[in-house]
């Protein structure tokens, strides 16, 4: 295997032309809307049908040895709390709005709590534990083991005044030109999610109020901590991660992983064997390489799907509650894809 920095940079310079040629050879398939709607309806029905049994199993595995005895006993069971926090994310109401809706729901059930109770559910340890168990159960049900992954980051607005998609670039430019003391209160939550391409299900995620990189590191940490015996066989990331430090980190943590990145214009062949191998594949087999890399579009489609369903704004303000809200989005996404064959 031999490749030069000049060859890599020449390929990067010609990338736009290569991509145009690739698109001509592999035109995108037109969506059959009738089939799509039928499959979507099936996935939604399956998700709702499986939800309660999965929550029962997730809750039953939690054993409380010494619980908190001070204060007034909770009006809700742990199962009700998990259902409530998931429904809250699905309907997209504020904490106060959800409390008002529960007043209507109480005509059909015995659940009637204040908006503060709804808000506190997002930071309750038992609820977070049950959600984690639920996530693991869904991945096991889908038999996710050997993951061909794709990862991407996005942001959620913490205020209704600004939209992440229109303000993210302005914020990046401003952060470069201002000191830490001059920076205003955080207005966005960064989120990174790792998806399994074959099942379209999220494996891990991370959130941060500081940077996408911090969210990415949290997602990798979560993957290492999950007790699922999951093997990350390959990964596709955008150009933000096209640096040797990220390739080295992935190689050290996941044996035999294949990494698909688009090199930057100033890329060099100096570096680890894994970095050189990636550049060799990119330069020598560009069309095949792009076919693998462009499966990263599934991540962008997943974020688009989630934001259409849950919106682009988070009503929670505390970082731990923001984390739980995004985790609920992830769980619903996986539940809706669980029935897809």
C-alpha atoms as a PDB file:
ATOM      1  CA  UNK A   1       0.000   0.000   0.000  1.00  0.00           C
ATOM      2  CA  UNK A   2       1.594   3.237  -1.195  1.00  0.00           C
ATOM      3  CA  UNK A   3       0.022   6.647  -1.571  1.00  0.00           C
ATOM      4  CA  UNK A   4       1.261  10.224  -1.567  1.00  0.00           C
ATOM      5  CA  UNK A   5      -0.116  13.424  -0.101  1.00  0.00           C
ATOM      6  CA  UNK A   6      -0.242  14.898  -3.610  1.00  0.00           C
ATOM      7  CA  UNK A   7      -2.537  12.089  -4.824  1.00  0.00           C
ATOM      8  CA  UNK A   8      -4.885  12.560  -1.873  1.00  0.00           C
ATOM      9  CA  UNK A   9      -5.162  16.311  -2.387  1.00  0.00           C
ATOM     10  CA  UNK A  10      -5.692  15.924  -6.133  1.00  0.00           C
ATOM     11  CA  UNK A  11      -8.597  13.566  -5.450  1.00  0.00           C
ATOM     12  CA  UNK A  12     -10.086  16.018  -2.936  1.00  0.00           C
ATOM     13  CA  UNK A  13      -9.795  18.842  -5.492  1.00  0.00           C
ATOM     14  CA  UNK A  14     -11.677  16.735  -8.050  1.00  0.00           C
ATOM     15  CA  UNK A  15     -14.276  15.571  -5.546  1.00  0.00           C
ATOM     16  CA  UNK A  16     -17.157  17.686  -6.866  1.00  0.00           C
ATOM     17  CA  UNK A  17     -16.736  16.216 -10.349  1.00  0.00           C
ATOM     18  CA  UNK A  18     -16.398  12.696  -8.954  1.00  0.00           C
ATOM     19  CA  UNK A  19     -19.597  13.126  -6.922  1.00  0.00           C
ATOM     20  CA  UNK A  20     -21.510  14.366  -9.991  1.00  0.00           C
ATOM     21  CA  UNK A  21     -20.357  11.295 -11.898  1.00  0.00           C
ATOM     22  CA  UNK A  22     -21.334   9.094  -8.972  1.00  0.00           C
ATOM     23  CA  UNK A  23     -24.836  10.576  -8.841  1.00  0.00           C
ATOM     24  CA  UNK A  24     -25.333   9.958 -12.564  1.00  0.00           C
ATOM     25  CA  UNK A  25     -24.406   6.303 -12.125  1.00  0.00           C
ATOM     26  CA  UNK A  26     -26.530   5.836  -8.997  1.00  0.00           C
ATOM     27  CA  UNK A  27     -29.741   7.882  -9.354  1.00  0.00           C
ATOM     28  CA  UNK A  28     -31.884   8.099  -6.233  1.00  0.00           C
ATOM     29  CA  UNK A  29     -34.957   5.868  -6.107  1.00  0.00           C
ATOM     30  CA  UNK A  30     -38.354   7.504  -6.189  1.00  0.00           C
ATOM     31  CA  UNK A  31     -40.448   6.893  -3.100  1.00  0.00           C
ATOM     32  CA  UNK A  32     -43.601   4.831  -3.452  1.00  0.00           C
ATOM     33  CA  UNK A  33     -45.822   6.942  -1.223  1.00  0.00           C
ATOM     34  CA  UNK A  34     -48.530   4.295  -0.902  1.00  0.00           C
ATOM     35  CA  UNK A  35     -46.048   1.691   0.294  1.00  0.00           C
ATOM     36  CA  UNK A  36     -44.351   4.270   2.514  1.00  0.00           C
ATOM     37  CA  UNK A  37     -47.602   5.238   4.251  1.00  0.00           C
ATOM     38  CA  UNK A  38     -48.514   1.580   4.771  1.00  0.00           C
ATOM     39  CA  UNK A  39     -45.142   0.791   6.319  1.00  0.00           C
ATOM     40  CA  UNK A  40     -45.277   3.917   8.468  1.00  0.00           C
ATOM     41  CA  UNK A  41     -48.739   2.990   9.793  1.00  0.00           C
ATOM     42  CA  UNK A  42     -47.510  -0.526  10.543  1.00  0.00           C
ATOM     43  CA  UNK A  43     -44.490   0.786  12.453  1.00  0.00           C
ATOM     44  CA  UNK A  44     -46.592   3.168  14.542  1.00  0.00           C
ATOM     45  CA  UNK A  45     -49.132   0.465  15.462  1.00  0.00           C
ATOM     46  CA  UNK A  46     -46.334  -1.953  16.359  1.00  0.00           C
ATOM     47  CA  UNK A  47     -44.612   0.657  18.528  1.00  0.00           C
ATOM     48  CA  UNK A  48     -47.762   1.422  20.519  1.00  0.00           C
ATOM     49  CA  UNK A  49     -48.641  -2.263  20.847  1.00  0.00           C
ATOM     50  CA  UNK A  50     -45.188  -3.193  22.154  1.00  0.00           C
ATOM     51  CA  UNK A  51     -44.712  -0.164  24.395  1.00  0.00           C
ATOM     52  CA  UNK A  52     -46.501  -1.303  27.559  1.00  0.00           C
ATOM     53  CA  UNK A  53     -44.991  -4.847  27.671  1.00  0.00           C
ATOM     54  CA  UNK A  54     -41.526  -3.389  27.132  1.00  0.00           C
ATOM     55  CA  UNK A  55     -42.019  -0.808  29.895  1.00  0.00           C
ATOM     56  CA  UNK A  56     -43.265  -3.539  32.238  1.00  0.00           C
ATOM     57  CA  UNK A  57     -40.086  -5.525  31.577  1.00  0.00           C
ATOM     58  CA  UNK A  58     -37.858  -2.450  31.917  1.00  0.00           C
ATOM     59  CA  UNK A  59     -39.415  -1.456  35.248  1.00  0.00           C
ATOM     60  CA  UNK A  60     -39.555  -4.982  36.692  1.00  0.00           C
ATOM     61  CA  UNK A  61     -35.757  -5.360  36.475  1.00  0.00           C
ATOM     62  CA  UNK A  62     -35.229  -2.404  38.840  1.00  0.00           C
ATOM     63  CA  UNK A  63     -35.021  -3.454  42.492  1.00  0.00           C
ATOM     64  CA  UNK A  64     -35.085  -0.726  45.148  1.00  0.00           C
ATOM     65  CA  UNK A  65     -33.163  -1.824  48.245  1.00  0.00           C
ATOM     66  CA  UNK A  66     -33.203   1.369  50.331  1.00  0.00           C
ATOM     67  CA  UNK A  67     -35.485   3.998  48.893  1.00  0.00           C
ATOM     68  CA  UNK A  68     -36.095   7.576  50.017  1.00  0.00           C
ATOM     69  CA  UNK A  69     -38.720   7.640  52.799  1.00  0.00           C
ATOM     70  CA  UNK A  70     -38.889  11.395  53.425  1.00  0.00           C
ATOM     71  CA  UNK A  71     -41.615  13.582  51.964  1.00  0.00           C
ATOM     72  CA  UNK A  72     -45.021  12.764  50.563  1.00  0.00           C
ATOM     73  CA  UNK A  73     -45.309   9.426  48.736  1.00  0.00           C
ATOM     74  CA  UNK A  74     -45.451   9.726  44.949  1.00  0.00           C
ATOM     75  CA  UNK A  75     -48.903   9.679  43.356  1.00  0.00           C
ATOM     76  CA  UNK A  76     -47.538   7.781  40.368  1.00  0.00           C
ATOM     77  CA  UNK A  77     -46.004   4.345  40.003  1.00  0.00           C
ATOM     78  CA  UNK A  78     -42.675   4.042  38.203  1.00  0.00           C
ATOM     79  CA  UNK A  79     -44.480   2.571  35.190  1.00  0.00           C
ATOM     80  CA  UNK A  80     -46.847   5.553  35.061  1.00  0.00           C
ATOM     81  CA  UNK A  81     -43.910   7.942  35.315  1.00  0.00           C
ATOM     82  CA  UNK A  82     -42.118   6.341  32.365  1.00  0.00           C
ATOM     83  CA  UNK A  83     -45.274   6.333  30.252  1.00  0.00           C
ATOM     84  CA  UNK A  84     -45.975   9.950  31.177  1.00  0.00           C
ATOM     85  CA  UNK A  85     -42.511  11.234  30.262  1.00  0.00           C
ATOM     86  CA  UNK A  86     -42.607   9.379  26.919  1.00  0.00           C
ATOM     87  CA  UNK A  87     -46.087  10.675  26.073  1.00  0.00           C
ATOM     88  CA  UNK A  88     -45.006  14.154  27.073  1.00  0.00           C
ATOM     89  CA  UNK A  89     -42.205  14.068  24.485  1.00  0.00           C
ATOM     90  CA  UNK A  90     -44.533  12.654  21.833  1.00  0.00           C
ATOM     91  CA  UNK A  91     -47.288  15.256  22.179  1.00  0.00           C
ATOM     92  CA  UNK A  92     -44.747  18.080  22.348  1.00  0.00           C
ATOM     93  CA  UNK A  93     -46.459  20.174  25.007  1.00  0.00           C
ATOM     94  CA  UNK A  94     -44.761  22.297  27.649  1.00  0.00           C
ATOM     95  CA  UNK A  95     -44.665  21.018  31.237  1.00  0.00           C
ATOM     96  CA  UNK A  96     -47.633  23.215  32.122  1.00  0.00           C
ATOM     97  CA  UNK A  97     -49.456  22.297  28.916  1.00  0.00           C
ATOM     98  CA  UNK A  98     -48.994  18.593  29.624  1.00  0.00           C
ATOM     99  CA  UNK A  99     -50.369  19.075  33.134  1.00  0.00           C
ATOM    100  CA  UNK A 100     -53.504  20.649  31.640  1.00  0.00           C
ATOM    101  CA  UNK A 101     -53.862  17.768  29.205  1.00  0.00           C
ATOM    102  CA  UNK A 102     -53.667  15.306  32.092  1.00  0.00           C
ATOM    103  CA  UNK A 103     -56.724  16.996  33.557  1.00  0.00           C
ATOM    104  CA  UNK A 104     -58.517  15.796  30.417  1.00  0.00           C
ATOM    105  CA  UNK A 105     -56.841  12.379  30.516  1.00  0.00           C
ATOM    106  CA  UNK A 106     -58.062  11.907  34.096  1.00  0.00           C
ATOM    107  CA  UNK A 107     -61.538  11.365  32.627  1.00  0.00           C
ATOM    108  CA  UNK A 108     -60.145   8.069  31.361  1.00  0.00           C
ATOM    109  CA  UNK A 109     -57.576   7.384  34.094  1.00  0.00           C
ATOM    110  CA  UNK A 110     -56.527   8.314  37.615  1.00  0.00           C
ATOM    111  CA  UNK A 111     -53.489  10.362  36.590  1.00  0.00           C
ATOM    112  CA  UNK A 112     -53.782  14.013  37.621  1.00  0.00           C
ATOM    113  CA  UNK A 113     -50.542  15.780  38.618  1.00  0.00           C
ATOM    114  CA  UNK A 114     -49.052  19.255  38.532  1.00  0.00           C
ATOM    115  CA  UNK A 115     -46.700  20.596  35.872  1.00  0.00           C
ATOM    116  CA  UNK A 116     -43.874  20.518  38.427  1.00  0.00           C
ATOM    117  CA  UNK A 117     -44.339  16.778  38.776  1.00  0.00           C
ATOM    118  CA  UNK A 118     -44.051  16.397  35.012  1.00  0.00           C
ATOM    119  CA  UNK A 119     -40.897  18.525  34.992  1.00  0.00           C
ATOM    120  CA  UNK A 120     -39.217  16.595  37.816  1.00  0.00           C
ATOM    121  CA  UNK A 121     -39.741  13.275  36.034  1.00  0.00           C
ATOM    122  CA  UNK A 122     -36.970  14.262  33.622  1.00  0.00           C
ATOM    123  CA  UNK A 123     -34.389  14.215  36.399  1.00  0.00           C
ATOM    124  CA  UNK A 124     -35.686  11.319  38.503  1.00  0.00           C
ATOM    125  CA  UNK A 125     -33.077   8.568  38.680  1.00  0.00           C
ATOM    126  CA  UNK A 126     -35.532   5.669  38.611  1.00  0.00           C
ATOM    127  CA  UNK A 127     -37.214   7.033  35.481  1.00  0.00           C
ATOM    128  CA  UNK A 128     -33.830   7.433  33.743  1.00  0.00           C
ATOM    129  CA  UNK A 129     -32.859   3.889  34.756  1.00  0.00           C
ATOM    130  CA  UNK A 130     -36.114   2.516  33.367  1.00  0.00           C
ATOM    131  CA  UNK A 131     -35.625   4.441  30.102  1.00  0.00           C
ATOM    132  CA  UNK A 132     -32.113   2.991  29.810  1.00  0.00           C
ATOM    133  CA  UNK A 133     -33.498  -0.524  30.343  1.00  0.00           C
ATOM    134  CA  UNK A 134     -36.169   0.165  27.727  1.00  0.00           C
ATOM    135  CA  UNK A 135     -33.537   1.277  25.222  1.00  0.00           C
ATOM    136  CA  UNK A 136     -31.500  -1.889  25.804  1.00  0.00           C
ATOM    137  CA  UNK A 137     -34.590  -4.105  25.468  1.00  0.00           C
ATOM    138  CA  UNK A 138     -35.554  -2.544  22.126  1.00  0.00           C
ATOM    139  CA  UNK A 139     -32.044  -3.078  20.711  1.00  0.00           C
ATOM    140  CA  UNK A 140     -32.062  -6.671  21.932  1.00  0.00           C
ATOM    141  CA  UNK A 141     -35.505  -7.246  20.415  1.00  0.00           C
ATOM    142  CA  UNK A 142     -34.089  -6.055  17.076  1.00  0.00           C
ATOM    143  CA  UNK A 143     -30.948  -8.185  17.608  1.00  0.00           C
ATOM    144  CA  UNK A 144     -28.523  -5.328  16.980  1.00  0.00           C
ATOM    145  CA  UNK A 145     -24.979  -6.684  17.296  1.00  0.00           C
ATOM    146  CA  UNK A 146     -22.665  -5.988  14.360  1.00  0.00           C
ATOM    147  CA  UNK A 147     -23.186  -2.325  13.635  1.00  0.00           C
ATOM    148  CA  UNK A 148     -22.366  -0.546  10.399  1.00  0.00           C
ATOM    149  CA  UNK A 149     -22.763   2.878  11.882  1.00  0.00           C
ATOM    150  CA  UNK A 150     -23.339   6.426  10.805  1.00  0.00           C
ATOM    151  CA  UNK A 151     -23.107   9.385  13.123  1.00  0.00           C
ATOM    152  CA  UNK A 152     -24.045  13.016  12.932  1.00  0.00           C
ATOM    153  CA  UNK A 153     -24.722  15.981  15.144  1.00  0.00           C
ATOM    154  CA  UNK A 154     -27.483  18.557  15.331  1.00  0.00           C
ATOM    155  CA  UNK A 155     -28.804  21.154  17.727  1.00  0.00           C
ATOM    156  CA  UNK A 156     -32.047  21.837  19.558  1.00  0.00           C
ATOM    157  CA  UNK A 157     -33.172  25.326  20.436  1.00  0.00           C
ATOM    158  CA  UNK A 158     -33.694  26.152  24.105  1.00  0.00           C
ATOM    159  CA  UNK A 159     -35.611  29.302  23.225  1.00  0.00           C
ATOM    160  CA  UNK A 160     -38.489  29.899  20.853  1.00  0.00           C
ATOM    161  CA  UNK A 161     -36.867  33.076  19.515  1.00  0.00           C
ATOM    162  CA  UNK A 162     -34.103  31.383  17.517  1.00  0.00           C
ATOM    163  CA  UNK A 163     -34.059  28.344  15.238  1.00  0.00           C
ATOM    164  CA  UNK A 164     -30.941  26.162  15.310  1.00  0.00           C
ATOM    165  CA  UNK A 165     -30.726  25.691  11.537  1.00  0.00           C
ATOM    166  CA  UNK A 166     -30.666  29.450  10.878  1.00  0.00           C
ATOM    167  CA  UNK A 167     -28.595  30.541  13.871  1.00  0.00           C
ATOM    168  CA  UNK A 168     -25.941  27.811  14.188  1.00  0.00           C
ATOM    169  CA  UNK A 169     -23.487  29.373  11.752  1.00  0.00           C
ATOM    170  CA  UNK A 170     -23.939  32.832  13.253  1.00  0.00           C
ATOM    171  CA  UNK A 171     -23.228  31.368  16.681  1.00  0.00           C
ATOM    172  CA  UNK A 172     -20.068  29.619  15.462  1.00  0.00           C
ATOM    173  CA  UNK A 173     -18.750  32.831  13.941  1.00  0.00           C
ATOM    174  CA  UNK A 174     -19.530  34.782  17.100  1.00  0.00           C
ATOM    175  CA  UNK A 175     -17.812  32.244  19.349  1.00  0.00           C
ATOM    176  CA  UNK A 176     -14.612  32.668  17.337  1.00  0.00           C
ATOM    177  CA  UNK A 177     -14.549  36.422  17.861  1.00  0.00           C
ATOM    178  CA  UNK A 178     -15.615  36.740  21.514  1.00  0.00           C
ATOM    179  CA  UNK A 179     -14.112  35.716  24.822  1.00  0.00           C
ATOM    180  CA  UNK A 180     -15.718  33.234  27.195  1.00  0.00           C
ATOM    181  CA  UNK A 181     -16.845  36.033  29.529  1.00  0.00           C
ATOM    182  CA  UNK A 182     -18.638  37.815  26.686  1.00  0.00           C
ATOM    183  CA  UNK A 183     -20.581  34.777  25.523  1.00  0.00           C
ATOM    184  CA  UNK A 184     -24.255  34.815  26.332  1.00  0.00           C
ATOM    185  CA  UNK A 185     -26.344  32.179  27.979  1.00  0.00           C
ATOM    186  CA  UNK A 186     -26.507  28.959  25.982  1.00  0.00           C
ATOM    187  CA  UNK A 187     -29.350  28.953  23.478  1.00  0.00           C
ATOM    188  CA  UNK A 188     -28.809  25.545  21.878  1.00  0.00           C
ATOM    189  CA  UNK A 189     -28.233  21.977  23.024  1.00  0.00           C
ATOM    190  CA  UNK A 190     -25.831  20.012  20.831  1.00  0.00           C
ATOM    191  CA  UNK A 191     -26.713  16.395  20.193  1.00  0.00           C
ATOM    192  CA  UNK A 192     -24.809  13.550  18.518  1.00  0.00           C
ATOM    193  CA  UNK A 193     -26.433  10.214  17.671  1.00  0.00           C
ATOM    194  CA  UNK A 194     -24.917   6.997  16.347  1.00  0.00           C
ATOM    195  CA  UNK A 195     -27.241   4.976  14.096  1.00  0.00           C
ATOM    196  CA  UNK A 196     -27.106   1.398  12.837  1.00  0.00           C
ATOM    197  CA  UNK A 197     -27.604   1.643   9.056  1.00  0.00           C
ATOM    198  CA  UNK A 198     -29.155  -1.819   8.651  1.00  0.00           C
ATOM    199  CA  UNK A 199     -31.956  -1.315  11.198  1.00  0.00           C
ATOM    200  CA  UNK A 200     -32.131   2.528  11.149  1.00  0.00           C
ATOM    201  CA  UNK A 201     -32.064   2.413  14.948  1.00  0.00           C
ATOM    202  CA  UNK A 202     -30.020   4.673  17.216  1.00  0.00           C
ATOM    203  CA  UNK A 203     -27.415   2.878  19.306  1.00  0.00           C
ATOM    204  CA  UNK A 204     -26.038   5.693  21.440  1.00  0.00           C
ATOM    205  CA  UNK A 205     -26.267   9.435  21.836  1.00  0.00           C
ATOM    206  CA  UNK A 206     -24.640  12.315  23.660  1.00  0.00           C
ATOM    207  CA  UNK A 207     -25.677  15.876  24.506  1.00  0.00           C
ATOM    208  CA  UNK A 208     -23.761  18.997  25.440  1.00  0.00           C
ATOM    209  CA  UNK A 209     -24.438  22.682  25.996  1.00  0.00           C
ATOM    210  CA  UNK A 210     -20.849  23.460  24.945  1.00  0.00           C
ATOM    211  CA  UNK A 211     -19.967  21.709  21.686  1.00  0.00           C
ATOM    212  CA  UNK A 212     -20.830  18.917  19.273  1.00  0.00           C
ATOM    213  CA  UNK A 213     -17.456  17.327  19.986  1.00  0.00           C
ATOM    214  CA  UNK A 214     -18.371  16.881  23.661  1.00  0.00           C
ATOM    215  CA  UNK A 215     -21.673  15.289  22.625  1.00  0.00           C
ATOM    216  CA  UNK A 216     -19.739  12.955  20.283  1.00  0.00           C
ATOM    217  CA  UNK A 217     -17.410  11.856  23.093  1.00  0.00           C
ATOM    218  CA  UNK A 218     -20.410  11.105  25.322  1.00  0.00           C
ATOM    219  CA  UNK A 219     -21.947   8.953  22.584  1.00  0.00           C
ATOM    220  CA  UNK A 220     -18.747   6.893  22.309  1.00  0.00           C
ATOM    221  CA  UNK A 221     -18.593   6.514  26.102  1.00  0.00           C
ATOM    222  CA  UNK A 222     -22.187   5.280  26.149  1.00  0.00           C
ATOM    223  CA  UNK A 223     -21.382   2.658  23.494  1.00  0.00           C
ATOM    224  CA  UNK A 224     -18.520   1.307  25.602  1.00  0.00           C
ATOM    225  CA  UNK A 225     -20.733   1.177  28.708  1.00  0.00           C
ATOM    226  CA  UNK A 226     -23.731  -0.553  27.091  1.00  0.00           C
ATOM    227  CA  UNK A 227     -23.871  -4.180  28.177  1.00  0.00           C
ATOM    228  CA  UNK A 228     -24.988  -5.456  24.771  1.00  0.00           C
ATOM    229  CA  UNK A 229     -21.864  -7.002  23.249  1.00  0.00           C
ATOM    230  CA  UNK A 230     -22.240  -4.665  20.267  1.00  0.00           C
ATOM    231  CA  UNK A 231     -19.445  -4.578  17.706  1.00  0.00           C
ATOM    232  CA  UNK A 232     -18.931  -1.329  15.772  1.00  0.00           C
ATOM    233  CA  UNK A 233     -17.699  -2.673  12.427  1.00  0.00           C
ATOM    234  CA  UNK A 234     -17.737   0.613  10.483  1.00  0.00           C
ATOM    235  CA  UNK A 235     -18.583   4.276  10.910  1.00  0.00           C
ATOM    236  CA  UNK A 236     -19.295   7.268   8.664  1.00  0.00           C
ATOM    237  CA  UNK A 237     -18.843  10.822   9.932  1.00  0.00           C
ATOM    238  CA  UNK A 238     -18.925  14.291   8.354  1.00  0.00           C
ATOM    239  CA  UNK A 239     -15.891  16.432   7.622  1.00  0.00           C
ATOM    240  CA  UNK A 240     -15.865  17.945  11.101  1.00  0.00           C
ATOM    241  CA  UNK A 241     -14.343  14.641  12.274  1.00  0.00           C
ATOM    242  CA  UNK A 242     -11.915  14.287   9.352  1.00  0.00           C
ATOM    243  CA  UNK A 243      -8.872  14.550  11.594  1.00  0.00           C
ATOM    244  CA  UNK A 244      -6.248  12.022  12.585  1.00  0.00           C
ATOM    245  CA  UNK A 245      -7.101  12.351  16.275  1.00  0.00           C
ATOM    246  CA  UNK A 246     -10.621  10.998  15.703  1.00  0.00           C
ATOM    247  CA  UNK A 247      -9.389   8.131  13.517  1.00  0.00           C
ATOM    248  CA  UNK A 248      -6.803   7.196  16.148  1.00  0.00           C
ATOM    249  CA  UNK A 249      -9.407   7.271  18.918  1.00  0.00           C
ATOM    250  CA  UNK A 250     -11.815   5.035  16.999  1.00  0.00           C
ATOM    251  CA  UNK A 251      -9.029   2.593  16.119  1.00  0.00           C
ATOM    252  CA  UNK A 252      -7.950   2.343  19.752  1.00  0.00           C
ATOM    253  CA  UNK A 253     -11.465   1.721  21.058  1.00  0.00           C
ATOM    254  CA  UNK A 254     -12.974  -0.504  18.353  1.00  0.00           C
ATOM    255  CA  UNK A 255     -10.891  -3.296  16.867  1.00  0.00           C
ATOM    256  CA  UNK A 256     -10.914  -3.735  13.065  1.00  0.00           C
ATOM    257  CA  UNK A 257     -13.301  -0.825  12.525  1.00  0.00           C
ATOM    258  CA  UNK A 258     -13.604   0.608   9.006  1.00  0.00           C
ATOM    259  CA  UNK A 259     -13.720   4.391   8.958  1.00  0.00           C
ATOM    260  CA  UNK A 260     -15.237   6.458   6.158  1.00  0.00           C
ATOM    261  CA  UNK A 261     -14.393  10.173   6.165  1.00  0.00           C
ATOM    262  CA  UNK A 262     -13.953  12.771   3.433  1.00  0.00           C
ATOM    263  CA  UNK A 263     -10.412  14.204   3.808  1.00  0.00           C
ATOM    264  CA  UNK A 264      -9.934  17.940   4.047  1.00  0.00           C
ATOM    265  CA  UNK A 265      -8.014  19.889   1.415  1.00  0.00           C
ATOM    266  CA  UNK A 266      -4.886  20.039   3.570  1.00  0.00           C
ATOM    267  CA  UNK A 267      -4.860  16.317   4.453  1.00  0.00           C
ATOM    268  CA  UNK A 268      -1.503  14.503   4.557  1.00  0.00           C
ATOM    269  CA  UNK A 269      -0.614  10.811   4.560  1.00  0.00           C
ATOM    270  CA  UNK A 270       1.455  11.213   7.719  1.00  0.00           C
ATOM    271  CA  UNK A 271      -0.228   9.392  10.573  1.00  0.00           C
ATOM    272  CA  UNK A 272      -1.385   6.010  11.817  1.00  0.00           C
ATOM    273  CA  UNK A 273      -1.850   2.940   9.622  1.00  0.00           C
ATOM    274  CA  UNK A 274      -5.639   3.247   9.920  1.00  0.00           C
ATOM    275  CA  UNK A 275      -5.485   6.852   8.647  1.00  0.00           C
ATOM    276  CA  UNK A 276      -3.282   5.853   5.706  1.00  0.00           C
ATOM    277  CA  UNK A 277      -5.520   2.899   4.905  1.00  0.00           C
ATOM    278  CA  UNK A 278      -8.574   5.173   4.804  1.00  0.00           C
ATOM    279  CA  UNK A 279      -6.835   7.627   2.457  1.00  0.00           C
ATOM    280  CA  UNK A 280      -5.721   4.748   0.231  1.00  0.00           C
ATOM    281  CA  UNK A 281      -9.319   3.503  -0.117  1.00  0.00           C
ATOM    282  CA  UNK A 282     -10.553   7.046  -0.735  1.00  0.00           C
ATOM    283  CA  UNK A 283      -7.994   7.725  -3.462  1.00  0.00           C
ATOM    284  CA  UNK A 284      -7.739   4.313  -5.126  1.00  0.00           C
ATOM    285  CA  UNK A 285     -11.410   3.225  -5.005  1.00  0.00           C
ATOM    286  CA  UNK A 286     -13.222   6.551  -4.827  1.00  0.00           C
ATOM    287  CA  UNK A 287     -16.572   5.442  -6.289  1.00  0.00           C
ATOM    288  CA  UNK A 288     -16.852   2.431  -3.967  1.00  0.00           C
ATOM    289  CA  UNK A 289     -15.711   4.584  -1.056  1.00  0.00           C
ATOM    290  CA  UNK A 290     -18.392   7.212  -1.755  1.00  0.00           C
ATOM    291  CA  UNK A 291     -21.068   4.515  -1.939  1.00  0.00           C
ATOM    292  CA  UNK A 292     -20.216   3.549   1.624  1.00  0.00           C
ATOM    293  CA  UNK A 293     -19.750   7.107   2.847  1.00  0.00           C
ATOM    294  CA  UNK A 294     -23.036   8.429   1.480  1.00  0.00           C
ATOM    295  CA  UNK A 295     -24.942   6.001   3.691  1.00  0.00           C
ATOM    296  CA  UNK A 296     -24.343   8.748   6.233  1.00  0.00           C
ATOM    297  CA  UNK A 297     -27.496  10.289   4.719  1.00  0.00           C
ATOM    298  CA  UNK A 298     -29.461   7.974   7.006  1.00  0.00           C
ATOM    299  CA  UNK A 299     -28.316  10.085   9.964  1.00  0.00           C
ATOM    300  CA  UNK A 300     -29.559  13.286   8.343  1.00  0.00           C
ATOM    301  CA  UNK A 301     -32.850  11.576   7.455  1.00  0.00           C
ATOM    302  CA  UNK A 302     -33.175  10.362  11.049  1.00  0.00           C
ATOM    303  CA  UNK A 303     -32.745  13.858  12.480  1.00  0.00           C
ATOM    304  CA  UNK A 304     -35.228  15.226   9.946  1.00  0.00           C
ATOM    305  CA  UNK A 305     -37.751  12.547  10.894  1.00  0.00           C
ATOM    306  CA  UNK A 306     -37.294  13.200  14.612  1.00  0.00           C
ATOM    307  CA  UNK A 307     -37.622  16.982  14.325  1.00  0.00           C
ATOM    308  CA  UNK A 308     -40.770  16.655  12.236  1.00  0.00           C
ATOM    309  CA  UNK A 309     -42.221  14.429  14.948  1.00  0.00           C
ATOM    310  CA  UNK A 310     -40.953  16.182  18.081  1.00  0.00           C
ATOM    311  CA  UNK A 311     -40.076  19.681  16.881  1.00  0.00           C
ATOM    312  CA  UNK A 312     -36.789  21.593  17.011  1.00  0.00           C
ATOM    313  CA  UNK A 313     -37.275  23.152  20.465  1.00  0.00           C
ATOM    314  CA  UNK A 314     -36.783  21.663  23.944  1.00  0.00           C
ATOM    315  CA  UNK A 315     -38.898  22.932  26.808  1.00  0.00           C
ATOM    316  CA  UNK A 316     -36.470  21.734  29.471  1.00  0.00           C
ATOM    317  CA  UNK A 317     -33.745  24.063  30.773  1.00  0.00           C
ATOM    318  CA  UNK A 318     -31.547  21.964  33.068  1.00  0.00           C
ATOM    319  CA  UNK A 319     -28.889  19.923  31.276  1.00  0.00           C
ATOM    320  CA  UNK A 320     -29.907  16.616  32.893  1.00  0.00           C
ATOM    321  CA  UNK A 321     -33.528  17.179  31.859  1.00  0.00           C
ATOM    322  CA  UNK A 322     -32.490  18.138  28.329  1.00  0.00           C
ATOM    323  CA  UNK A 323     -30.563  14.861  28.197  1.00  0.00           C
ATOM    324  CA  UNK A 324     -33.655  12.879  29.229  1.00  0.00           C
ATOM    325  CA  UNK A 325     -35.853  14.674  26.684  1.00  0.00           C
ATOM    326  CA  UNK A 326     -33.478  13.784  23.836  1.00  0.00           C
ATOM    327  CA  UNK A 327     -33.212  10.224  25.166  1.00  0.00           C
ATOM    328  CA  UNK A 328     -37.020   9.941  24.955  1.00  0.00           C
ATOM    329  CA  UNK A 329     -36.876  11.123  21.332  1.00  0.00           C
ATOM    330  CA  UNK A 330     -34.321   8.381  20.638  1.00  0.00           C
ATOM    331  CA  UNK A 331     -36.480   5.712  22.259  1.00  0.00           C
ATOM    332  CA  UNK A 332     -39.565   6.722  20.279  1.00  0.00           C
ATOM    333  CA  UNK A 333     -37.497   6.699  17.061  1.00  0.00           C
ATOM    334  CA  UNK A 334     -36.339   3.152  17.774  1.00  0.00           C
ATOM    335  CA  UNK A 335     -39.828   2.017  18.747  1.00  0.00           C
ATOM    336  CA  UNK A 336     -41.222   3.313  15.451  1.00  0.00           C
ATOM    337  CA  UNK A 337     -38.525   1.451  13.506  1.00  0.00           C
ATOM    338  CA  UNK A 338     -38.765  -1.758  15.533  1.00  0.00           C
ATOM    339  CA  UNK A 339     -41.471  -3.213  13.268  1.00  0.00           C
ATOM    340  CA  UNK A 340     -39.645  -2.409  10.026  1.00  0.00           C
ATOM    341  CA  UNK A 341     -38.407  -5.548   8.306  1.00  0.00           C
END
